[in-house]
Every structure is written in C-alpha cells, then in structure tokens.
Amino acid sequence: MATGGTTTNDSNPANQSPAIEGYGDGGFRVDGVLHKGSIIVLPTRIAEWSVEEFAQIDEASLPPALFGDAHVELLLLGCGVRVQPVPRALREALSEVGTVIDPMDTGAAVRTYNVLLGENRRIAAALVAVD
C-alpha cells in the first residue's frame, strides 16, 4: 500500500473527493491510501500538511489553492483531539474567497466530511492527525 504524498482523483469520474475511510495512529486512510501525519483533502487532491498541532494553523499553513482555484465553499478544520477557535485573520482570509471554515475535533471533522460528500458540495478538510 502506498503512503503519504500528494494524490489526485483522476480515477473518480465525478472528480469528487474520496471518502476518508479511517483515522488515528497519527494518520488517515483516504481512498485506500494510508497518509501518515496531518492532511488536507481538496476536491481534486489529497496533500500532506506539515501542521502537527493546532497552534501551527494560520493562512500560511494552508495551500494557496484554498484561496484561489479550489473554489471550496466549506473547509472543515479538524483541530486535533478537541475543537479550538479559528484565528480571526484565517477566518477573514477564507471568507474573502467565499469559504466558510468550521472547526471541530478531528474525529467529528472526518465524519462530517464523509456525510457532506453525498450532498455534492465543494468541501475540503484540513485535518490534524491524532493518535
């Protein structure tokens, strides 16, 4: 099984993000691929995210695509083991491009993401890995 890196959804005819199949032990299983560490799931790709804890999250920690060509209407922010308030500057930067950010613990973010996939919405998830 492959691990880590950036993958695209070329095999998905609707070009919709795949379901997150599992999380824990410091990583995630997405579309059959194990990703160690934190990840960002965009509508067309999954990328490693260098963030290890919530305090490291700011506009610079997110990929530029979230502020441009991804056209994401909702970003689910998995904060780790517990929900934390989103820094005002980050919330405002995303709002300027039409993206709402919704913070929650990582487990809730994974579950919510999978439910929202069925609604054909342009969503993304930025997920801090948990043990």
Protein backbone atom coordinates (compact mmCIF):
# COMPACT_ATOMS: atom_id res chain seq x y z
CA MET A 1 0.00 0.00 0.00
CA ALA A 2 1.27 3.47 -0.86
CA THR A 3 1.77 6.04 1.86
CA GLY A 4 1.88 9.82 2.03
CA GLY A 5 2.47 12.33 -0.74
CA THR A 6 0.00 14.15 -2.90
CA THR A 7 -2.55 12.16 -4.82
CA THR A 8 -5.19 13.21 -7.33
CA ASN A 9 -8.63 11.82 -8.02
CA ASP A 10 -8.11 11.04 -11.70
CA SER A 11 -9.91 7.71 -11.26
CA ASN A 12 -13.01 9.40 -9.86
CA PRO A 13 -15.26 10.27 -12.83
CA ALA A 14 -17.12 12.99 -10.93
CA ASN A 15 -13.76 14.37 -9.73
CA GLN A 16 -15.20 14.36 -6.23
CA SER A 17 -13.01 13.89 -3.18
CA PRO A 18 -12.90 10.32 -1.90
CA ALA A 19 -14.26 9.27 1.45
CA ILE A 20 -11.94 9.24 4.43
CA GLU A 21 -12.01 5.60 5.45
CA GLY A 22 -10.21 5.83 8.77
CA TYR A 23 -8.12 7.94 11.09
CA GLY A 24 -5.97 7.55 14.19
CA ASP A 25 -2.49 6.23 14.95
CA GLY A 26 -1.11 9.51 13.62
CA GLY A 27 -2.63 9.32 10.16
CA PHE A 28 -5.56 8.78 7.80
CA ARG A 29 -6.72 6.25 5.23
CA VAL A 30 -8.18 8.02 2.18
CA ASP A 31 -9.32 6.19 -0.93
CA GLY A 32 -7.32 3.13 0.11
CA VAL A 33 -4.09 5.07 0.69
CA LEU A 34 -2.51 5.46 4.12
CA HIS A 35 -1.34 9.01 4.84
CA LYS A 36 0.86 9.44 7.91
CA GLY A 37 0.57 12.80 9.64
CA SER A 38 -1.87 15.64 9.05
CA ILE A 39 -3.53 16.04 5.65
CA ILE A 40 -5.59 18.42 3.57
CA VAL A 41 -8.30 16.90 1.38
CA LEU A 42 -9.27 19.19 -1.51
CA PRO A 43 -11.89 18.40 -4.16
CA THR A 44 -9.23 17.15 -6.58
CA ARG A 45 -6.29 16.11 -4.42
CA ILE A 46 -5.04 15.00 -1.05
CA ALA A 47 -1.87 16.59 0.31
CA GLU A 48 0.37 16.13 3.30
CA TRP A 49 0.06 19.01 5.77
CA SER A 50 3.09 19.95 7.85
CA VAL A 51 0.92 21.02 10.80
CA GLU A 52 1.37 18.83 13.88
CA GLU A 53 -0.75 20.81 16.33
CA PHE A 54 -3.48 23.43 16.25
CA ALA A 55 -1.18 26.30 17.26
CA GLN A 56 0.61 25.96 13.89
CA ILE A 57 -2.53 26.69 11.85
CA ASP A 58 -2.66 30.01 10.02
CA GLU A 59 -3.19 31.26 6.47
CA ALA A 60 0.40 30.44 5.52
CA SER A 61 -0.01 26.81 6.62
CA LEU A 62 -2.82 26.18 4.12
CA PRO A 63 -2.29 25.54 0.41
CA PRO A 64 -2.80 28.53 -1.91
CA ALA A 65 -5.49 26.55 -3.77
CA LEU A 66 -7.85 27.15 -0.84
CA PHE A 67 -7.61 30.85 -1.58
CA GLY A 68 -7.93 30.51 -5.34
CA ASP A 69 -8.72 27.78 -7.81
CA ALA A 70 -10.23 25.20 -5.44
CA HIS A 71 -13.48 27.20 -5.08
CA VAL A 72 -14.28 25.48 -1.80
CA GLU A 73 -17.47 26.60 -0.08
CA LEU A 74 -16.75 24.88 3.24
CA LEU A 75 -13.47 23.96 4.93
CA LEU A 76 -13.83 21.52 7.79
CA LEU A 77 -10.97 22.07 10.21
CA GLY A 78 -10.09 19.04 12.30
CA CYS A 79 -8.32 20.70 15.24
CA GLY A 80 -6.95 17.52 16.85
CA VAL A 81 -8.44 15.97 19.97
CA ARG A 82 -10.58 18.99 20.82
CA VAL A 83 -12.19 21.90 18.98
CA GLN A 84 -10.48 25.28 19.15
CA PRO A 85 -11.46 28.74 17.90
CA VAL A 86 -10.20 29.68 14.44
CA PRO A 87 -7.84 32.66 14.39
CA ARG A 88 -9.73 35.74 13.18
CA ALA A 89 -7.24 36.50 10.37
CA LEU A 90 -7.66 32.99 8.93
CA ARG A 91 -11.46 33.13 9.13
CA GLU A 92 -11.46 36.52 7.36
CA ALA A 93 -9.00 35.42 4.65
CA LEU A 94 -11.16 32.42 3.79
CA SER A 95 -14.34 34.49 3.92
CA GLU A 96 -12.89 36.86 1.32
CA VAL A 97 -12.80 33.98 -1.20
CA GLY A 98 -16.25 32.68 -0.23
CA THR A 99 -15.13 29.83 2.03
CA VAL A 100 -16.66 29.18 5.43
CA ILE A 101 -14.39 27.44 7.96
CA ASP A 102 -15.95 25.13 10.54
CA PRO A 103 -13.66 23.96 13.35
CA MET A 104 -14.28 20.72 15.23
CA ASP A 105 -12.27 17.89 16.70
CA THR A 106 -10.62 15.73 14.04
CA GLY A 107 -12.96 12.76 14.51
CA ALA A 108 -16.05 14.94 14.06
CA ALA A 109 -14.46 16.62 11.02
CA VAL A 110 -13.85 13.24 9.36
CA ARG A 111 -17.42 12.09 10.00
CA THR A 112 -18.94 15.40 8.85
CA TYR A 113 -16.77 15.41 5.72
CA ASN A 114 -17.97 11.94 4.73
CA VAL A 115 -21.63 12.90 5.24
CA LEU A 116 -21.27 16.12 3.21
CA LEU A 117 -19.68 14.26 0.28
CA GLY A 118 -23.12 12.89 -0.51
CA GLU A 119 -24.51 16.41 -0.91
CA ASN A 120 -22.32 17.27 -3.94
CA ARG A 121 -20.90 20.35 -2.23
CA ARG A 122 -17.43 21.80 -2.83
CA ILE A 123 -15.87 20.89 0.50
CA ALA A 124 -12.38 20.41 1.82
CA ALA A 125 -10.93 19.19 5.08
CA ALA A 126 -7.76 20.25 6.87
CA LEU A 127 -7.13 17.54 9.44
CA VAL A 128 -4.63 17.49 12.28
CA ALA A 129 -3.59 13.88 12.88
CA VAL A 130 -4.49 12.23 16.18
CA ASP A 131 -3.21 9.08 17.90
